[in-house]
Amino acid sequence: MFPSAPLSAQVDVQHITVLRRGDWTTRIETHTRLTAGSDVFRLHATLDAYEQGTRIFSKRWDRSFPRDLV
């Protein structure tokens, strides 16, 4: 990636949330990456949910959105 090249820009966000009450524990992990091409923005995202350390839900996204004059 080159700082002066606008098409090399990307943002990464990772977030982890943990909730506990007594013996119950749940954790949600998300990771999102947004990149820009010459004509589209690309979004790659994951979400994983855990209860007591066992993954109970998982979802992945891979989408593109037109830049529309941006």
N, C-alpha and C. Protein backbone atom coordinates (compact mmCIF):
# COMPACT_ATOMS: atom_id res chain seq x y z
N MET A 1 0.84 -1.18 0.00
CA MET A 1 0.00 0.00 0.00
C MET A 1 0.88 1.25 0.00
N PHE A 2 0.44 2.24 -0.74
CA PHE A 2 1.18 3.48 -0.85
C PHE A 2 0.31 4.61 -0.32
N PRO A 3 0.80 5.40 0.62
CA PRO A 3 -0.01 6.47 1.22
C PRO A 3 -0.56 7.47 0.21
N SER A 4 0.13 7.68 -0.90
CA SER A 4 -0.33 8.67 -1.88
C SER A 4 -1.24 8.08 -2.95
N ALA A 5 -1.53 6.79 -2.89
CA ALA A 5 -2.38 6.13 -3.89
C ALA A 5 -3.78 5.91 -3.31
N PRO A 6 -4.77 6.70 -3.74
CA PRO A 6 -6.10 6.60 -3.15
C PRO A 6 -6.74 5.22 -3.28
N LEU A 7 -6.39 4.46 -4.32
CA LEU A 7 -7.00 3.14 -4.50
C LEU A 7 -6.37 2.09 -3.61
N SER A 8 -5.35 2.46 -2.82
CA SER A 8 -4.76 1.52 -1.88
C SER A 8 -5.32 1.71 -0.47
N ALA A 9 -6.23 2.66 -0.30
CA ALA A 9 -6.79 2.94 1.03
C ALA A 9 -7.66 1.77 1.50
N GLN A 10 -7.56 1.48 2.79
CA GLN A 10 -8.43 0.47 3.39
C GLN A 10 -8.57 0.79 4.88
N VAL A 11 -9.65 0.30 5.45
CA VAL A 11 -9.86 0.43 6.89
C VAL A 11 -10.21 -0.95 7.43
N ASP A 12 -9.64 -1.29 8.56
CA ASP A 12 -9.91 -2.55 9.25
C ASP A 12 -10.41 -2.23 10.65
N VAL A 13 -11.49 -2.87 11.04
CA VAL A 13 -12.03 -2.70 12.39
C VAL A 13 -12.30 -4.08 12.97
N GLN A 14 -11.73 -4.33 14.14
CA GLN A 14 -12.00 -5.57 14.85
C GLN A 14 -12.56 -5.20 16.21
N HIS A 15 -13.64 -5.88 16.60
CA HIS A 15 -14.30 -5.56 17.87
C HIS A 15 -14.69 -6.86 18.56
N ILE A 16 -14.44 -6.92 19.86
CA ILE A 16 -14.82 -8.08 20.66
C ILE A 16 -15.63 -7.57 21.86
N THR A 17 -16.79 -8.16 22.06
CA THR A 17 -17.64 -7.83 23.20
C THR A 17 -17.85 -9.10 24.02
N VAL A 18 -17.64 -9.00 25.33
CA VAL A 18 -17.84 -10.14 26.23
C VAL A 18 -18.87 -9.74 27.27
N LEU A 19 -19.86 -10.60 27.48
CA LEU A 19 -20.88 -10.40 28.51
C LEU A 19 -20.86 -11.60 29.45
N ARG A 20 -20.92 -11.31 30.75
CA ARG A 20 -20.90 -12.40 31.74
C ARG A 20 -21.93 -12.12 32.83
N ARG A 21 -22.52 -13.19 33.31
CA ARG A 21 -23.38 -13.13 34.48
C ARG A 21 -23.33 -14.51 35.13
N GLY A 22 -22.80 -14.57 36.33
CA GLY A 22 -22.65 -15.87 36.99
C GLY A 22 -21.76 -16.78 36.17
N ASP A 23 -22.24 -17.98 35.90
CA ASP A 23 -21.47 -18.95 35.10
C ASP A 23 -21.67 -18.77 33.60
N TRP A 24 -22.55 -17.89 33.20
CA TRP A 24 -22.88 -17.69 31.78
C TRP A 24 -21.92 -16.67 31.17
N THR A 25 -21.38 -17.01 30.00
CA THR A 25 -20.48 -16.11 29.28
C THR A 25 -20.82 -16.16 27.79
N THR A 26 -20.87 -14.99 27.19
CA THR A 26 -21.06 -14.92 25.74
C THR A 26 -20.05 -13.92 25.17
N ARG A 27 -19.61 -14.18 23.94
CA ARG A 27 -18.62 -13.31 23.30
C ARG A 27 -19.02 -13.12 21.85
N ILE A 28 -18.91 -11.90 21.38
CA ILE A 28 -19.19 -11.58 19.97
C ILE A 28 -17.93 -10.96 19.38
N GLU A 29 -17.49 -11.51 18.26
CA GLU A 29 -16.30 -11.00 17.57
C GLU A 29 -16.69 -10.58 16.17
N THR A 30 -16.30 -9.36 15.80
CA THR A 30 -16.55 -8.88 14.44
C THR A 30 -15.24 -8.37 13.84
N HIS A 31 -15.14 -8.53 12.54
CA HIS A 31 -14.02 -7.97 11.80
C HIS A 31 -14.57 -7.44 10.49
N THR A 32 -14.25 -6.19 10.21
CA THR A 32 -14.75 -5.53 9.00
C THR A 32 -13.58 -4.89 8.26
N ARG A 33 -13.54 -5.09 6.96
CA ARG A 33 -12.52 -4.45 6.12
C ARG A 33 -13.22 -3.78 4.95
N LEU A 34 -12.93 -2.51 4.74
CA LEU A 34 -13.47 -1.75 3.61
C LEU A 34 -12.30 -1.31 2.75
N THR A 35 -12.36 -1.63 1.46
CA THR A 35 -11.33 -1.21 0.52
C THR A 35 -12.00 -0.48 -0.64
N ALA A 36 -11.20 0.23 -1.41
CA ALA A 36 -11.74 1.00 -2.53
C ALA A 36 -11.05 0.59 -3.81
N GLY A 37 -11.83 0.29 -4.84
CA GLY A 37 -11.33 0.08 -6.18
C GLY A 37 -11.65 1.32 -7.00
N SER A 38 -11.33 1.30 -8.26
CA SER A 38 -11.58 2.48 -9.09
C SER A 38 -13.07 2.74 -9.30
N ASP A 39 -13.90 1.70 -9.23
CA ASP A 39 -15.33 1.88 -9.48
C ASP A 39 -16.24 1.35 -8.37
N VAL A 40 -15.67 0.65 -7.37
CA VAL A 40 -16.51 0.10 -6.29
C VAL A 40 -15.78 0.19 -4.95
N PHE A 41 -16.58 0.19 -3.88
CA PHE A 41 -16.09 -0.05 -2.54
C PHE A 41 -16.35 -1.52 -2.24
N ARG A 42 -15.43 -2.19 -1.59
CA ARG A 42 -15.60 -3.60 -1.24
C ARG A 42 -15.66 -3.74 0.28
N LEU A 43 -16.66 -4.46 0.75
CA LEU A 43 -16.84 -4.70 2.17
C LEU A 43 -16.69 -6.19 2.43
N HIS A 44 -15.78 -6.54 3.31
CA HIS A 44 -15.60 -7.92 3.77
C HIS A 44 -15.82 -7.89 5.28
N ALA A 45 -16.76 -8.68 5.78
CA ALA A 45 -17.05 -8.65 7.21
C ALA A 45 -17.34 -10.05 7.72
N THR A 46 -17.01 -10.27 8.98
CA THR A 46 -17.33 -11.53 9.64
C THR A 46 -17.91 -11.23 11.01
N LEU A 47 -18.78 -12.12 11.44
CA LEU A 47 -19.36 -12.04 12.78
C LEU A 47 -19.38 -13.46 13.34
N ASP A 48 -18.83 -13.64 14.52
CA ASP A 48 -18.85 -14.93 15.21
C ASP A 48 -19.36 -14.71 16.62
N ALA A 49 -20.31 -15.53 17.04
CA ALA A 49 -20.87 -15.45 18.39
C ALA A 49 -20.58 -16.74 19.13
N TYR A 50 -20.17 -16.61 20.38
CA TYR A 50 -19.79 -17.75 21.20
C TYR A 50 -20.58 -17.74 22.51
N GLU A 51 -20.94 -18.92 22.96
CA GLU A 51 -21.55 -19.08 24.27
C GLU A 51 -20.77 -20.16 25.00
N GLN A 52 -20.27 -19.82 26.16
CA GLN A 52 -19.44 -20.74 26.95
C GLN A 52 -18.26 -21.25 26.13
N GLY A 53 -17.71 -20.43 25.25
CA GLY A 53 -16.55 -20.80 24.45
C GLY A 53 -16.84 -21.58 23.18
N THR A 54 -18.10 -21.95 22.96
CA THR A 54 -18.49 -22.69 21.76
C THR A 54 -19.13 -21.74 20.75
N ARG A 55 -18.64 -21.77 19.52
CA ARG A 55 -19.24 -20.90 18.50
C ARG A 55 -20.65 -21.38 18.19
N ILE A 56 -21.61 -20.47 18.32
CA ILE A 56 -23.01 -20.82 18.09
C ILE A 56 -23.59 -20.14 16.86
N PHE A 57 -22.85 -19.15 16.31
CA PHE A 57 -23.35 -18.46 15.12
C PHE A 57 -22.15 -17.88 14.38
N SER A 58 -22.22 -17.92 13.06
CA SER A 58 -21.16 -17.35 12.23
C SER A 58 -21.77 -16.84 10.93
N LYS A 59 -21.34 -15.67 10.51
CA LYS A 59 -21.83 -15.13 9.24
C LYS A 59 -20.70 -14.35 8.58
N ARG A 60 -20.68 -14.42 7.24
CA ARG A 60 -19.66 -13.73 6.44
C ARG A 60 -20.35 -12.89 5.38
N TRP A 61 -19.79 -11.73 5.11
CA TRP A 61 -20.29 -10.87 4.05
C TRP A 61 -19.14 -10.54 3.12
N ASP A 62 -19.43 -10.45 1.85
CA ASP A 62 -18.47 -10.02 0.84
C ASP A 62 -19.30 -9.26 -0.21
N ARG A 63 -19.33 -7.96 -0.08
CA ARG A 63 -20.20 -7.15 -0.92
C ARG A 63 -19.41 -6.05 -1.62
N SER A 64 -19.93 -5.60 -2.74
CA SER A 64 -19.37 -4.47 -3.46
C SER A 64 -20.45 -3.43 -3.67
N PHE A 65 -20.05 -2.15 -3.58
CA PHE A 65 -20.99 -1.04 -3.75
C PHE A 65 -20.39 -0.06 -4.75
N PRO A 66 -21.18 0.38 -5.71
CA PRO A 66 -20.66 1.34 -6.70
C PRO A 66 -20.19 2.63 -6.01
N ARG A 67 -19.14 3.21 -6.53
CA ARG A 67 -18.60 4.46 -5.94
C ARG A 67 -19.51 5.64 -6.22
N ASP A 68 -20.25 5.63 -7.32
CA ASP A 68 -21.20 6.72 -7.64
C ASP A 68 -20.67 8.11 -7.34
N LEU A 69 -19.65 8.50 -8.06
CA LEU A 69 -19.08 9.86 -8.01
C LEU A 69 -18.31 10.15 -6.72
N VAL A 70 -17.95 9.14 -5.98
CA VAL A 70 -17.17 9.37 -4.75
C VAL A 70 -15.73 9.10 -5.04
